[in-house]
Amino acid sequence: MTVTSAKEPSKTKPRLATCALTGCFGCHMSLLDIDERILELVDLVDLDKSPFDDKKSFDRPVDIGLIEGGCSNEYNVLELREFRNNCRILV
């Protein structure tokens, strides 16, 4: 039996989306702080919606969503729900 889902993984590199809810933005800064090794990360994943590329919306589902911070207002709840609806794996 084959199970299909709207949240199918990409056929090449995994697609990664990130967002920062209420918090200090430290996780994103830590990623930027890996210096030239960030180029190795680019070889491993396709970056989708993220503050790094200033992409504001999903145009298709992604494989992995990384959320930083907490839900402290209605906007955060909406953002978190959008990520849940568009990410196969949510961290």
PDB file of N, CA and C in Angstrom:
ATOM      1  N   MET A   1       0.839  -1.177   0.000  1.00  0.00           N
ATOM      2  CA  MET A   1       0.000   0.000   0.000  1.00  0.00           C
ATOM      3  C   MET A   1       0.883   1.239   0.000  1.00  0.00           C
ATOM      4  N   THR A   2       0.585   2.198  -0.854  1.00  0.00           N
ATOM      5  CA  THR A   2       1.334   3.439  -0.947  1.00  0.00           C
ATOM      6  C   THR A   2       0.557   4.556  -0.265  1.00  0.00           C
ATOM      7  N   VAL A   3       1.239   5.250   0.610  1.00  0.00           N
ATOM      8  CA  VAL A   3       0.618   6.381   1.297  1.00  0.00           C
ATOM      9  C   VAL A   3       1.175   7.658   0.682  1.00  0.00           C
ATOM     10  N   THR A   4       0.313   8.547   0.269  1.00  0.00           N
ATOM     11  CA  THR A   4       0.759   9.822  -0.272  1.00  0.00           C
ATOM     12  C   THR A   4       0.333  10.939   0.663  1.00  0.00           C
ATOM     13  N   SER A   5       1.045  12.015   0.585  1.00  0.00           N
ATOM     14  CA  SER A   5       0.777  13.158   1.455  1.00  0.00           C
ATOM     15  C   SER A   5       1.047  14.442   0.697  1.00  0.00           C
ATOM     16  N   ALA A   6       0.365  15.510   1.111  1.00  0.00           N
ATOM     17  CA  ALA A   6       0.636  16.826   0.531  1.00  0.00           C
ATOM     18  C   ALA A   6       2.010  17.305   0.960  1.00  0.00           C
ATOM     19  N   LYS A   7       2.544  16.701   2.004  1.00  0.00           N
ATOM     20  CA  LYS A   7       3.838  17.113   2.530  1.00  0.00           C
ATOM     21  C   LYS A   7       4.918  16.123   2.114  1.00  0.00           C
ATOM     22  N   GLU A   8       5.071  15.894   0.840  1.00  0.00           N
ATOM     23  CA  GLU A   8       6.072  14.967   0.344  1.00  0.00           C
ATOM     24  C   GLU A   8       7.449  15.626   0.342  1.00  0.00           C
ATOM     25  N   PRO A   9       8.501  14.853   0.643  1.00  0.00           N
ATOM     26  CA  PRO A   9       9.847  15.420   0.622  1.00  0.00           C
ATOM     27  C   PRO A   9      10.295  15.727  -0.799  1.00  0.00           C
ATOM     28  N   SER A  10      11.280  16.609  -0.910  1.00  0.00           N
ATOM     29  CA  SER A  10      11.823  16.929  -2.221  1.00  0.00           C
ATOM     30  C   SER A  10      12.618  15.737  -2.752  1.00  0.00           C
ATOM     31  N   LYS A  11      12.836  15.694  -4.054  1.00  0.00           N
ATOM     32  CA  LYS A  11      13.549  14.587  -4.679  1.00  0.00           C
ATOM     33  C   LYS A  11      15.063  14.795  -4.653  1.00  0.00           C
ATOM     34  N   THR A  12      15.517  15.970  -4.296  1.00  0.00           N
ATOM     35  CA  THR A  12      16.950  16.255  -4.259  1.00  0.00           C
ATOM     36  C   THR A  12      17.352  16.591  -2.822  1.00  0.00           C
ATOM     37  N   LYS A  13      17.940  17.737  -2.612  1.00  0.00           N
ATOM     38  CA  LYS A  13      18.328  18.144  -1.260  1.00  0.00           C
ATOM     39  C   LYS A  13      17.072  18.456  -0.444  1.00  0.00           C
ATOM     40  N   PRO A  14      17.109  18.197   0.866  1.00  0.00           N
ATOM     41  CA  PRO A  14      15.961  18.566   1.691  1.00  0.00           C
ATOM     42  C   PRO A  14      15.747  20.084   1.680  1.00  0.00           C
ATOM     43  N   ARG A  15      14.490  20.491   1.691  1.00  0.00           N
ATOM     44  CA  ARG A  15      14.151  21.909   1.757  1.00  0.00           C
ATOM     45  C   ARG A  15      13.977  22.277   3.218  1.00  0.00           C
ATOM     46  N   LEU A  16      14.605  23.377   3.640  1.00  0.00           N
ATOM     47  CA  LEU A  16      14.620  23.819   5.026  1.00  0.00           C
ATOM     48  C   LEU A  16      13.998  25.198   5.144  1.00  0.00           C
ATOM     49  N   ALA A  17      13.088  25.353   6.099  1.00  0.00           N
ATOM     50  CA  ALA A  17      12.501  26.659   6.404  1.00  0.00           C
ATOM     51  C   ALA A  17      12.744  26.949   7.877  1.00  0.00           C
ATOM     52  N   THR A  18      12.963  28.213   8.205  1.00  0.00           N
ATOM     53  CA  THR A  18      13.177  28.601   9.597  1.00  0.00           C
ATOM     54  C   THR A  18      12.359  29.845   9.915  1.00  0.00           C
ATOM     55  N   CYS A  19      12.057  30.006  11.191  1.00  0.00           N
ATOM     56  CA  CYS A  19      11.435  31.253  11.623  1.00  0.00           C
ATOM     57  C   CYS A  19      11.764  31.493  13.086  1.00  0.00           C
ATOM     58  N   ALA A  20      11.682  32.737  13.471  1.00  0.00           N
ATOM     59  CA  ALA A  20      11.917  33.134  14.853  1.00  0.00           C
ATOM     60  C   ALA A  20      10.621  33.724  15.403  1.00  0.00           C
ATOM     61  N   LEU A  21      10.077  33.070  16.409  1.00  0.00           N
ATOM     62  CA  LEU A  21       8.914  33.616  17.097  1.00  0.00           C
ATOM     63  C   LEU A  21       9.445  34.524  18.200  1.00  0.00           C
ATOM     64  N   THR A  22       8.708  34.715  19.261  1.00  0.00           N
ATOM     65  CA  THR A  22       9.177  35.571  20.347  1.00  0.00           C
ATOM     66  C   THR A  22      10.432  34.963  20.957  1.00  0.00           C
ATOM     67  N   GLY A  23      11.489  35.703  20.994  1.00  0.00           N
ATOM     68  CA  GLY A  23      12.741  35.201  21.543  1.00  0.00           C
ATOM     69  C   GLY A  23      13.889  36.124  21.206  1.00  0.00           C
ATOM     70  N   CYS A  24      15.080  35.602  21.344  1.00  0.00           N
ATOM     71  CA  CYS A  24      16.267  36.446  21.204  1.00  0.00           C
ATOM     72  C   CYS A  24      16.922  36.367  19.833  1.00  0.00           C
ATOM     73  N   PHE A  25      16.459  35.472  18.951  1.00  0.00           N
ATOM     74  CA  PHE A  25      17.032  35.286  17.619  1.00  0.00           C
ATOM     75  C   PHE A  25      18.416  34.644  17.686  1.00  0.00           C
ATOM     76  N   GLY A  26      18.758  34.058  18.828  1.00  0.00           N
ATOM     77  CA  GLY A  26      20.083  33.468  19.026  1.00  0.00           C
ATOM     78  C   GLY A  26      20.364  32.253  18.168  1.00  0.00           C
ATOM     79  N   CYS A  27      19.345  31.424  17.892  1.00  0.00           N
ATOM     80  CA  CYS A  27      19.576  30.229  17.067  1.00  0.00           C
ATOM     81  C   CYS A  27      19.970  30.622  15.647  1.00  0.00           C
ATOM     82  N   HIS A  28      19.301  31.618  15.094  1.00  0.00           N
ATOM     83  CA  HIS A  28      19.660  32.076  13.748  1.00  0.00           C
ATOM     84  C   HIS A  28      21.052  32.714  13.755  1.00  0.00           C
ATOM     85  N   MET A  29      21.362  33.456  14.798  1.00  0.00           N
ATOM     86  CA  MET A  29      22.698  34.060  14.887  1.00  0.00           C
ATOM     87  C   MET A  29      23.770  32.981  14.992  1.00  0.00           C
ATOM     88  N   SER A  30      23.484  31.893  15.713  1.00  0.00           N
ATOM     89  CA  SER A  30      24.444  30.794  15.818  1.00  0.00           C
ATOM     90  C   SER A  30      24.703  30.161  14.461  1.00  0.00           C
ATOM     91  N   LEU A  31      23.660  30.019  13.642  1.00  0.00           N
ATOM     92  CA  LEU A  31      23.864  29.492  12.297  1.00  0.00           C
ATOM     93  C   LEU A  31      24.749  30.433  11.469  1.00  0.00           C
ATOM     94  N   LEU A  32      24.511  31.709  11.578  1.00  0.00           N
ATOM     95  CA  LEU A  32      25.341  32.665  10.840  1.00  0.00           C
ATOM     96  C   LEU A  32      26.777  32.675  11.361  1.00  0.00           C
ATOM     97  N   ASP A  33      26.948  32.319  12.630  1.00  0.00           N
ATOM     98  CA  ASP A  33      28.259  32.364  13.269  1.00  0.00           C
ATOM     99  C   ASP A  33      29.157  31.184  12.885  1.00  0.00           C
ATOM    100  N   ILE A  34      28.675  30.268  12.044  1.00  0.00           N
ATOM    101  CA  ILE A  34      29.544  29.163  11.626  1.00  0.00           C
ATOM    102  C   ILE A  34      30.461  29.581  10.468  1.00  0.00           C
ATOM    103  N   ASP A  35      30.398  30.872  10.130  1.00  0.00           N
ATOM    104  CA  ASP A  35      31.292  31.475   9.143  1.00  0.00           C
ATOM    105  C   ASP A  35      31.234  30.760   7.792  1.00  0.00           C
ATOM    106  N   GLU A  36      32.388  30.424   7.225  1.00  0.00           N
ATOM    107  CA  GLU A  36      32.407  29.859   5.873  1.00  0.00           C
ATOM    108  C   GLU A  36      31.796  28.464   5.814  1.00  0.00           C
ATOM    109  N   ARG A  37      31.624  27.807   6.957  1.00  0.00           N
ATOM    110  CA  ARG A  37      30.983  26.482   6.955  1.00  0.00           C
ATOM    111  C   ARG A  37      29.515  26.572   6.542  1.00  0.00           C
ATOM    112  N   ILE A  38      28.958  27.789   6.547  1.00  0.00           N
ATOM    113  CA  ILE A  38      27.576  27.941   6.077  1.00  0.00           C
ATOM    114  C   ILE A  38      27.470  27.554   4.599  1.00  0.00           C
ATOM    115  N   LEU A  39      28.572  27.679   3.864  1.00  0.00           N
ATOM    116  CA  LEU A  39      28.577  27.256   2.461  1.00  0.00           C
ATOM    117  C   LEU A  39      28.404  25.742   2.348  1.00  0.00           C
ATOM    118  N   GLU A  40      28.917  24.987   3.320  1.00  0.00           N
ATOM    119  CA  GLU A  40      28.707  23.542   3.346  1.00  0.00           C
ATOM    120  C   GLU A  40      27.230  23.229   3.594  1.00  0.00           C
ATOM    121  N   LEU A  41      26.594  24.024   4.441  1.00  0.00           N
ATOM    122  CA  LEU A  41      25.169  23.847   4.718  1.00  0.00           C
ATOM    123  C   LEU A  41      24.348  24.070   3.451  1.00  0.00           C
ATOM    124  N   VAL A  42      24.733  25.068   2.681  1.00  0.00           N
ATOM    125  CA  VAL A  42      24.032  25.359   1.426  1.00  0.00           C
ATOM    126  C   VAL A  42      24.157  24.182   0.458  1.00  0.00           C
ATOM    127  N   ASP A  43      25.256  23.456   0.531  1.00  0.00           N
ATOM    128  CA  ASP A  43      25.412  22.269  -0.314  1.00  0.00           C
ATOM    129  C   ASP A  43      24.515  21.116   0.138  1.00  0.00           C
ATOM    130  N   LEU A  44      24.093  21.138   1.400  1.00  0.00           N
ATOM    131  CA  LEU A  44      23.311  20.028   1.954  1.00  0.00           C
ATOM    132  C   LEU A  44      21.806  20.238   1.913  1.00  0.00           C
ATOM    133  N   VAL A  45      21.352  21.501   1.972  1.00  0.00           N
ATOM    134  CA  VAL A  45      19.915  21.791   2.011  1.00  0.00           C
ATOM    135  C   VAL A  45      19.582  22.947   1.078  1.00  0.00           C
ATOM    136  N   ASP A  46      18.328  22.983   0.644  1.00  0.00           N
ATOM    137  CA  ASP A  46      17.814  24.139  -0.081  1.00  0.00           C
ATOM    138  C   ASP A  46      17.061  24.990   0.929  1.00  0.00           C
ATOM    139  N   LEU A  47      17.488  26.215   1.096  1.00  0.00           N
ATOM    140  CA  LEU A  47      16.859  27.110   2.057  1.00  0.00           C
ATOM    141  C   LEU A  47      15.596  27.698   1.451  1.00  0.00           C
ATOM    142  N   ASP A  48      14.511  27.588   2.183  1.00  0.00           N
ATOM    143  CA  ASP A  48      13.226  28.124   1.742  1.00  0.00           C
ATOM    144  C   ASP A  48      12.899  29.319   2.632  1.00  0.00           C
ATOM    145  N   LYS A  49      11.676  29.453   3.038  1.00  0.00           N
ATOM    146  CA  LYS A  49      11.229  30.579   3.864  1.00  0.00           C
ATOM    147  C   LYS A  49      12.122  30.720   5.103  1.00  0.00           C
ATOM    148  N   SER A  50      12.736  31.900   5.230  1.00  0.00           N
ATOM    149  CA  SER A  50      13.683  32.100   6.318  1.00  0.00           C
ATOM    150  C   SER A  50      14.063  33.571   6.423  1.00  0.00           C
ATOM    151  N   PRO A  51      14.444  34.021   7.615  1.00  0.00           N
ATOM    152  CA  PRO A  51      14.985  35.381   7.725  1.00  0.00           C
ATOM    153  C   PRO A  51      16.299  35.552   6.961  1.00  0.00           C
ATOM    154  N   PHE A  52      17.002  34.446   6.692  1.00  0.00           N
ATOM    155  CA  PHE A  52      18.271  34.528   5.962  1.00  0.00           C
ATOM    156  C   PHE A  52      18.075  35.020   4.541  1.00  0.00           C
ATOM    157  N   ASP A  53      17.004  34.568   3.899  1.00  0.00           N
ATOM    158  CA  ASP A  53      16.770  34.983   2.517  1.00  0.00           C
ATOM    159  C   ASP A  53      15.588  35.940   2.393  1.00  0.00           C
ATOM    160  N   ASP A  54      14.993  36.292   3.523  1.00  0.00           N
ATOM    161  CA  ASP A  54      13.883  37.245   3.594  1.00  0.00           C
ATOM    162  C   ASP A  54      12.666  36.792   2.793  1.00  0.00           C
ATOM    163  N   LYS A  55      12.541  35.493   2.587  1.00  0.00           N
ATOM    164  CA  LYS A  55      11.361  34.959   1.913  1.00  0.00           C
ATOM    165  C   LYS A  55      10.217  34.915   2.917  1.00  0.00           C
ATOM    166  N   LYS A  56       9.095  35.504   2.584  1.00  0.00           N
ATOM    167  CA  LYS A  56       8.006  35.708   3.532  1.00  0.00           C
ATOM    168  C   LYS A  56       6.946  34.618   3.553  1.00  0.00           C
ATOM    169  N   SER A  57       6.872  33.783   2.496  1.00  0.00           N
ATOM    170  CA  SER A  57       5.797  32.787   2.460  1.00  0.00           C
ATOM    171  C   SER A  57       6.269  31.509   1.780  1.00  0.00           C
ATOM    172  N   PHE A  58       5.557  30.434   2.079  1.00  0.00           N
ATOM    173  CA  PHE A  58       5.831  29.149   1.448  1.00  0.00           C
ATOM    174  C   PHE A  58       5.232  29.141   0.043  1.00  0.00           C
ATOM    175  N   ASP A  59       5.968  28.613  -0.920  1.00  0.00           N
ATOM    176  CA  ASP A  59       5.375  28.402  -2.244  1.00  0.00           C
ATOM    177  C   ASP A  59       5.111  26.922  -2.486  1.00  0.00           C
ATOM    178  N   ARG A  60       5.621  26.079  -1.599  1.00  0.00           N
ATOM    179  CA  ARG A  60       5.356  24.646  -1.612  1.00  0.00           C
ATOM    180  C   ARG A  60       5.807  24.076  -0.268  1.00  0.00           C
ATOM    181  N   PRO A  61       5.377  22.868   0.072  1.00  0.00           N
ATOM    182  CA  PRO A  61       5.800  22.264   1.343  1.00  0.00           C
ATOM    183  C   PRO A  61       7.311  22.043   1.378  1.00  0.00           C
ATOM    184  N   VAL A  62       7.856  22.034   2.589  1.00  0.00           N
ATOM    185  CA  VAL A  62       9.283  21.797   2.787  1.00  0.00           C
ATOM    186  C   VAL A  62       9.464  20.535   3.630  1.00  0.00           C
ATOM    187  N   ASP A  63      10.683  20.026   3.633  1.00  0.00           N
ATOM    188  CA  ASP A  63      10.982  18.819   4.385  1.00  0.00           C
ATOM    189  C   ASP A  63      11.118  19.091   5.880  1.00  0.00           C
ATOM    190  N   ILE A  64      11.858  20.151   6.223  1.00  0.00           N
ATOM    191  CA  ILE A  64      12.172  20.425   7.627  1.00  0.00           C
ATOM    192  C   ILE A  64      11.881  21.886   7.949  1.00  0.00           C
ATOM    193  N   GLY A  65      11.198  22.112   9.053  1.00  0.00           N
ATOM    194  CA  GLY A  65      10.966  23.456   9.562  1.00  0.00           C
ATOM    195  C   GLY A  65      11.598  23.594  10.932  1.00  0.00           C
ATOM    196  N   LEU A  66      12.390  24.633  11.120  1.00  0.00           N
ATOM    197  CA  LEU A  66      13.020  24.914  12.412  1.00  0.00           C
ATOM    198  C   LEU A  66      12.392  26.166  13.007  1.00  0.00           C
ATOM    199  N   ILE A  67      11.827  26.025  14.204  1.00  0.00           N
ATOM    200  CA  ILE A  67      11.187  27.145  14.896  1.00  0.00           C
ATOM    201  C   ILE A  67      12.049  27.529  16.084  1.00  0.00           C
ATOM    202  N   GLU A  68      12.293  28.796  16.231  1.00  0.00           N
ATOM    203  CA  GLU A  68      13.028  29.299  17.390  1.00  0.00           C
ATOM    204  C   GLU A  68      12.119  30.254  18.153  1.00  0.00           C
ATOM    205  N   GLY A  69      12.209  30.227  19.457  1.00  0.00           N
ATOM    206  CA  GLY A  69      11.411  31.136  20.277  1.00  0.00           C
ATOM    207  C   GLY A  69      10.102  30.512  20.723  1.00  0.00           C
ATOM    208  N   GLY A  70       9.285  31.312  21.357  1.00  0.00           N
ATOM    209  CA  GLY A  70       8.021  30.822  21.900  1.00  0.00           C
ATOM    210  C   GLY A  70       6.828  31.561  21.337  1.00  0.00           C
ATOM    211  N   CYS A  71       5.660  30.991  21.568  1.00  0.00           N
ATOM    212  CA  CYS A  71       4.393  31.607  21.145  1.00  0.00           C
ATOM    213  C   CYS A  71       3.909  32.533  22.252  1.00  0.00           C
ATOM    214  N   SER A  72       3.907  33.813  21.978  1.00  0.00           N
ATOM    215  CA  SER A  72       3.448  34.750  23.005  1.00  0.00           C
ATOM    216  C   SER A  72       2.356  35.690  22.510  1.00  0.00           C
ATOM    217  N   ASN A  73       1.975  35.543  21.240  1.00  0.00           N
ATOM    218  CA  ASN A  73       0.903  36.398  20.723  1.00  0.00           C
ATOM    219  C   ASN A  73       0.200  35.692  19.556  1.00  0.00           C
ATOM    220  N   GLU A  74      -0.842  36.303  19.076  1.00  0.00           N
ATOM    221  CA  GLU A  74      -1.648  35.698  18.011  1.00  0.00           C
ATOM    222  C   GLU A  74      -0.851  35.502  16.719  1.00  0.00           C
ATOM    223  N   TYR A  75       0.019  36.446  16.400  1.00  0.00           N
ATOM    224  CA  TYR A  75       0.840  36.305  15.191  1.00  0.00           C
ATOM    225  C   TYR A  75       1.724  35.065  15.288  1.00  0.00           C
ATOM    226  N   ASN A  76       2.333  34.830  16.455  1.00  0.00           N
ATOM    227  CA  ASN A  76       3.175  33.644  16.643  1.00  0.00           C
ATOM    228  C   ASN A  76       2.383  32.355  16.439  1.00  0.00           C
ATOM    229  N   VAL A  77       1.164  32.314  16.932  1.00  0.00           N
ATOM    230  CA  VAL A  77       0.320  31.131  16.767  1.00  0.00           C
ATOM    231  C   VAL A  77       0.027  30.903  15.281  1.00  0.00           C
ATOM    232  N   LEU A  78      -0.289  31.964  14.552  1.00  0.00           N
ATOM    233  CA  LEU A  78      -0.552  31.842  13.113  1.00  0.00           C
ATOM    234  C   LEU A  78       0.690  31.364  12.362  1.00  0.00           C
ATOM    235  N   GLU A  79       1.843  31.898  12.708  1.00  0.00           N
ATOM    236  CA  GLU A  79       3.100  31.501  12.071  1.00  0.00           C
ATOM    237  C   GLU A  79       3.400  30.027  12.355  1.00  0.00           C
ATOM    238  N   LEU A  80       3.218  29.623  13.595  1.00  0.00           N
ATOM    239  CA  LEU A  80       3.469  28.235  13.963  1.00  0.00           C
ATOM    240  C   LEU A  80       2.524  27.291  13.234  1.00  0.00           C
ATOM    241  N   ARG A  81       1.267  27.652  13.112  1.00  0.00           N
ATOM    242  CA  ARG A  81       0.310  26.830  12.361  1.00  0.00           C
ATOM    243  C   ARG A  81       0.680  26.755  10.883  1.00  0.00           C
ATOM    244  N   GLU A  82       1.135  27.870  10.321  1.00  0.00           N
ATOM    245  CA  GLU A  82       1.561  27.859   8.919  1.00  0.00           C
ATOM    246  C   GLU A  82       2.734  26.900   8.725  1.00  0.00           C
ATOM    247  N   PHE A  83       3.681  26.928   9.654  1.00  0.00           N
ATOM    248  CA  PHE A  83       4.811  26.005   9.569  1.00  0.00           C
ATOM    249  C   PHE A  83       4.341  24.556   9.711  1.00  0.00           C
ATOM    250  N   ARG A  84       3.448  24.289  10.646  1.00  0.00           N
ATOM    251  CA  ARG A  84       2.950  22.921  10.832  1.00  0.00           C
ATOM    252  C   ARG A  84       2.270  22.419   9.559  1.00  0.00           C
ATOM    253  N   ASN A  85       1.559  23.292   8.880  1.00  0.00           N
ATOM    254  CA  ASN A  85       0.848  22.912   7.654  1.00  0.00           C
ATOM    255  C   ASN A  85       1.780  22.742   6.450  1.00  0.00           C
ATOM    256  N   ASN A  86       2.980  23.292   6.513  1.00  0.00           N
ATOM    257  CA  ASN A  86       3.875  23.283   5.348  1.00  0.00           C
ATOM    258  C   ASN A  86       5.191  22.526   5.549  1.00  0.00           C
ATOM    259  N   CYS A  87       5.383  21.934   6.722  1.00  0.00           N
ATOM    260  CA  CYS A  87       6.642  21.233   7.015  1.00  0.00           C
ATOM    261  C   CYS A  87       6.381  19.768   7.320  1.00  0.00           C
ATOM    262  N   ARG A  88       7.095  18.909   6.624  1.00  0.00           N
ATOM    263  CA  ARG A  88       6.966  17.473   6.879  1.00  0.00           C
ATOM    264  C   ARG A  88       7.475  17.137   8.278  1.00  0.00           C
ATOM    265  N   ILE A  89       8.611  17.694   8.664  1.00  0.00           N
ATOM    266  CA  ILE A  89       9.170  17.537  10.007  1.00  0.00           C
ATOM    267  C   ILE A  89       9.291  18.929  10.610  1.00  0.00           C
ATOM    268  N   LEU A  90       8.801  19.088  11.833  1.00  0.00           N
ATOM    269  CA  LEU A  90       8.866  20.385  12.505  1.00  0.00           C
ATOM    270  C   LEU A  90       9.650  20.246  13.790  1.00  0.00           C
ATOM    271  N   VAL A  91      10.695  21.079  13.930  1.00  0.00           N
ATOM    272  CA  VAL A  91      11.553  21.057  15.113  1.00  0.00           C
ATOM    273  C   VAL A  91      11.406  22.375  15.838  1.00  0.00           C
TER     274      VAL A  91
END
